[in-house]
Amino acid sequence: QVQLVESGGGLVQTGGSLRLSCAASGSIFSINAMGWYRQAPGKQRELVAAISNGGSTNYADSVKGRFTISRDNAKNTVYLQMNSLKPEDTAVYYCNADVNRSTWRRNIYWGQGTQVTVSS
């Protein structure tokens, strides 16, 4: 099994910043893409940002220019730096990892979610 442990969520004022971290552990041979999703109450889960094992990134239009995704392959950790936060960024943020547990076992894993609240 693989576990994703998130940290860094919390309450911040409009215009503030937060840095989310998510570390993967367990039976890991390698990790392909990693990403961050978010879900607000009554809304569908949406992709915020993703990063490939080669470092290619993509972002939701709503966060482009404000958020930066990065990863540390040695630590099996993905980060999301969130700047210029807006109330509409308020959501539960989930990290995601496409994990090769071996050369023949591959699964998608999700973190438990961390609450980000941006006050007006």
C-alpha atoms as a PDB file:
ATOM      1  CA  GLN A   1       0.000   0.000   0.000  1.00  0.00           C
ATOM      2  CA  VAL A   2       0.918   3.620  -0.541  1.00  0.00           C
ATOM      3  CA  GLN A   3      -0.009   6.497   1.721  1.00  0.00           C
ATOM      4  CA  LEU A   4      -0.098  10.187   0.871  1.00  0.00           C
ATOM      5  CA  VAL A   5       0.206  12.525   3.840  1.00  0.00           C
ATOM      6  CA  GLU A   6      -0.665  16.177   3.330  1.00  0.00           C
ATOM      7  CA  SER A   7       0.185  19.236   5.351  1.00  0.00           C
ATOM      8  CA  GLY A   8       0.084  23.004   5.075  1.00  0.00           C
ATOM      9  CA  GLY A   9      -3.610  23.771   4.877  1.00  0.00           C
ATOM     10  CA  GLY A  10      -5.238  26.366   7.045  1.00  0.00           C
ATOM     11  CA  LEU A  11      -6.917  29.728   7.247  1.00  0.00           C
ATOM     12  CA  VAL A  12      -5.489  32.705   5.404  1.00  0.00           C
ATOM     13  CA  GLN A  13      -6.662  36.170   4.440  1.00  0.00           C
ATOM     14  CA  THR A  14      -7.378  37.222   0.891  1.00  0.00           C
ATOM     15  CA  GLY A  15      -4.090  37.946  -0.842  1.00  0.00           C
ATOM     16  CA  GLY A  16      -2.126  35.680   1.448  1.00  0.00           C
ATOM     17  CA  SER A  17      -0.093  32.584   0.701  1.00  0.00           C
ATOM     18  CA  LEU A  18       0.010  28.948   1.711  1.00  0.00           C
ATOM     19  CA  ARG A  19       2.313  26.106   0.806  1.00  0.00           C
ATOM     20  CA  LEU A  20       0.856  22.608   0.688  1.00  0.00           C
ATOM     21  CA  SER A  21       3.010  19.505   0.915  1.00  0.00           C
ATOM     22  CA  CYS A  22       2.189  15.882   0.241  1.00  0.00           C
ATOM     23  CA  ALA A  23       4.624  13.058   0.887  1.00  0.00           C
ATOM     24  CA  ALA A  24       4.118   9.585  -0.516  1.00  0.00           C
ATOM     25  CA  SER A  25       5.376   6.555   1.350  1.00  0.00           C
ATOM     26  CA  GLY A  26       5.034   2.788   1.249  1.00  0.00           C
ATOM     27  CA  SER A  27       5.605   0.344  -1.570  1.00  0.00           C
ATOM     28  CA  ILE A  28       6.927   2.726  -4.201  1.00  0.00           C
ATOM     29  CA  PHE A  29       9.107   1.823  -7.112  1.00  0.00           C
ATOM     30  CA  SER A  30       8.645   5.154  -8.835  1.00  0.00           C
ATOM     31  CA  ILE A  31       6.032   7.854  -9.242  1.00  0.00           C
ATOM     32  CA  ASN A  32       4.731   9.099 -12.549  1.00  0.00           C
ATOM     33  CA  ALA A  33       2.554  12.204 -12.469  1.00  0.00           C
ATOM     34  CA  MET A  34       1.554  13.931  -9.241  1.00  0.00           C
ATOM     35  CA  GLY A  35      -1.085  16.567  -8.805  1.00  0.00           C
ATOM     36  CA  TRP A  36      -3.393  18.634  -6.676  1.00  0.00           C
ATOM     37  CA  TYR A  37      -7.163  18.669  -6.880  1.00  0.00           C
ATOM     38  CA  ARG A  38      -9.696  20.635  -4.902  1.00  0.00           C
ATOM     39  CA  GLN A  39     -13.347  20.332  -4.057  1.00  0.00           C
ATOM     40  CA  ALA A  40     -15.579  23.020  -2.623  1.00  0.00           C
ATOM     41  CA  PRO A  41     -18.927  22.216  -0.971  1.00  0.00           C
ATOM     42  CA  GLY A  42     -21.523  21.460  -3.619  1.00  0.00           C
ATOM     43  CA  LYS A  43     -18.925  21.528  -6.378  1.00  0.00           C
ATOM     44  CA  GLN A  44     -17.227  18.800  -8.344  1.00  0.00           C
ATOM     45  CA  ARG A  45     -13.610  17.960  -7.743  1.00  0.00           C
ATOM     46  CA  GLU A  46     -11.353  19.810 -10.153  1.00  0.00           C
ATOM     47  CA  LEU A  47      -7.748  19.596 -11.174  1.00  0.00           C
ATOM     48  CA  VAL A  48      -5.702  22.476  -9.815  1.00  0.00           C
ATOM     49  CA  ALA A  49      -2.229  21.564 -11.013  1.00  0.00           C
ATOM     50  CA  ALA A  50      -0.280  18.541 -12.160  1.00  0.00           C
ATOM     51  CA  ILE A  51       3.363  17.731 -12.719  1.00  0.00           C
ATOM     52  CA  SER A  52       4.923  14.868 -14.631  1.00  0.00           C
ATOM     53  CA  ASN A  53       7.929  12.868 -13.537  1.00  0.00           C
ATOM     54  CA  GLY A  54       9.894  14.906 -16.063  1.00  0.00           C
ATOM     55  CA  GLY A  55       8.788  18.213 -14.594  1.00  0.00           C
ATOM     56  CA  SER A  56       6.158  19.264 -17.113  1.00  0.00           C
ATOM     57  CA  THR A  57       3.305  21.157 -15.486  1.00  0.00           C
ATOM     58  CA  ASN A  58      -0.216  22.211 -16.224  1.00  0.00           C
ATOM     59  CA  TYR A  59      -2.620  24.399 -14.278  1.00  0.00           C
ATOM     60  CA  ALA A  60      -6.259  25.246 -14.136  1.00  0.00           C
ATOM     61  CA  ASP A  61      -6.872  28.603 -15.765  1.00  0.00           C
ATOM     62  CA  SER A  62      -8.230  29.943 -12.491  1.00  0.00           C
ATOM     63  CA  VAL A  63      -4.898  29.487 -10.695  1.00  0.00           C
ATOM     64  CA  LYS A  64      -2.425  30.075 -13.495  1.00  0.00           C
ATOM     65  CA  GLY A  65       0.101  32.696 -12.497  1.00  0.00           C
ATOM     66  CA  ARG A  66      -0.764  32.407  -8.812  1.00  0.00           C
ATOM     67  CA  PHE A  67      -0.033  28.775  -7.950  1.00  0.00           C
ATOM     68  CA  THR A  68       3.135  26.783  -8.565  1.00  0.00           C
ATOM     69  CA  ILE A  69       3.423  23.020  -8.383  1.00  0.00           C
ATOM     70  CA  SER A  70       6.770  21.348  -7.792  1.00  0.00           C
ATOM     71  CA  ARG A  71       8.120  18.001  -6.673  1.00  0.00           C
ATOM     72  CA  ASP A  72      11.079  16.489  -4.915  1.00  0.00           C
ATOM     73  CA  ASN A  73      11.557  13.026  -6.353  1.00  0.00           C
ATOM     74  CA  ALA A  74      14.102  12.036  -3.709  1.00  0.00           C
ATOM     75  CA  LYS A  75      11.461  12.655  -1.042  1.00  0.00           C
ATOM     76  CA  ASN A  76       8.466  11.473  -3.088  1.00  0.00           C
ATOM     77  CA  THR A  77       6.867  14.777  -2.245  1.00  0.00           C
ATOM     78  CA  VAL A  78       4.769  17.220  -4.228  1.00  0.00           C
ATOM     79  CA  TYR A  79       4.224  20.842  -3.256  1.00  0.00           C
ATOM     80  CA  LEU A  80       1.722  23.508  -4.143  1.00  0.00           C
ATOM     81  CA  GLN A  81       2.733  27.096  -3.522  1.00  0.00           C
ATOM     82  CA  MET A  82      -0.405  29.220  -3.468  1.00  0.00           C
ATOM     83  CA  ASN A  83      -0.059  32.988  -3.702  1.00  0.00           C
ATOM     84  CA  SER A  84      -2.561  35.817  -4.032  1.00  0.00           C
ATOM     85  CA  LEU A  85      -5.250  33.615  -2.558  1.00  0.00           C
ATOM     86  CA  LYS A  86      -8.881  34.458  -3.170  1.00  0.00           C
ATOM     87  CA  PRO A  87     -12.052  33.383  -1.355  1.00  0.00           C
ATOM     88  CA  GLU A  88     -12.951  31.249  -4.359  1.00  0.00           C
ATOM     89  CA  ASP A  89      -9.847  29.167  -3.646  1.00  0.00           C
ATOM     90  CA  THR A  90     -11.533  27.905  -0.487  1.00  0.00           C
ATOM     91  CA  ALA A  91     -11.852  24.128  -0.771  1.00  0.00           C
ATOM     92  CA  VAL A  92     -10.538  20.818   0.423  1.00  0.00           C
ATOM     93  CA  TYR A  93      -7.309  20.169  -1.441  1.00  0.00           C
ATOM     94  CA  TYR A  94      -6.322  16.614  -2.299  1.00  0.00           C
ATOM     95  CA  CYS A  95      -2.975  15.423  -3.530  1.00  0.00           C
ATOM     96  CA  ASN A  96      -2.746  12.668  -6.071  1.00  0.00           C
ATOM     97  CA  ALA A  97       0.000  10.352  -7.262  1.00  0.00           C
ATOM     98  CA  ASP A  98       0.261   7.846 -10.081  1.00  0.00           C
ATOM     99  CA  VAL A  99       2.486   5.250  -8.440  1.00  0.00           C
ATOM    100  CA  ASN A 100       4.451   2.384  -9.917  1.00  0.00           C
ATOM    101  CA  ARG A 101       4.607  -0.020  -6.980  1.00  0.00           C
ATOM    102  CA  SER A 102       6.719  -2.339  -9.114  1.00  0.00           C
ATOM    103  CA  THR A 103       7.434  -2.783 -12.800  1.00  0.00           C
ATOM    104  CA  TRP A 104       3.973  -4.310 -13.196  1.00  0.00           C
ATOM    105  CA  ARG A 105       1.841  -2.778 -10.442  1.00  0.00           C
ATOM    106  CA  ARG A 106       0.482   0.707 -10.957  1.00  0.00           C
ATOM    107  CA  ASN A 107      -2.217   2.555  -9.021  1.00  0.00           C
ATOM    108  CA  ILE A 108      -3.594   6.021  -8.406  1.00  0.00           C
ATOM    109  CA  TYR A 109      -3.537   7.187  -4.785  1.00  0.00           C
ATOM    110  CA  TRP A 110      -5.189  10.098  -3.025  1.00  0.00           C
ATOM    111  CA  GLY A 111      -4.353  12.023   0.079  1.00  0.00           C
ATOM    112  CA  GLN A 112      -6.864  12.512   2.866  1.00  0.00           C
ATOM    113  CA  GLY A 113      -7.486  16.126   1.941  1.00  0.00           C
ATOM    114  CA  THR A 114      -6.510  19.335   3.678  1.00  0.00           C
ATOM    115  CA  GLN A 115      -8.798  22.305   4.199  1.00  0.00           C
ATOM    116  CA  VAL A 116      -7.823  25.655   2.750  1.00  0.00           C
ATOM    117  CA  THR A 117      -9.994  28.568   3.801  1.00  0.00           C
ATOM    118  CA  VAL A 118      -9.492  32.071   2.430  1.00  0.00           C
ATOM    119  CA  SER A 119     -11.332  34.779   4.312  1.00  0.00           C
ATOM    120  CA  SER A 120     -12.695  37.909   2.669  1.00  0.00           C
END
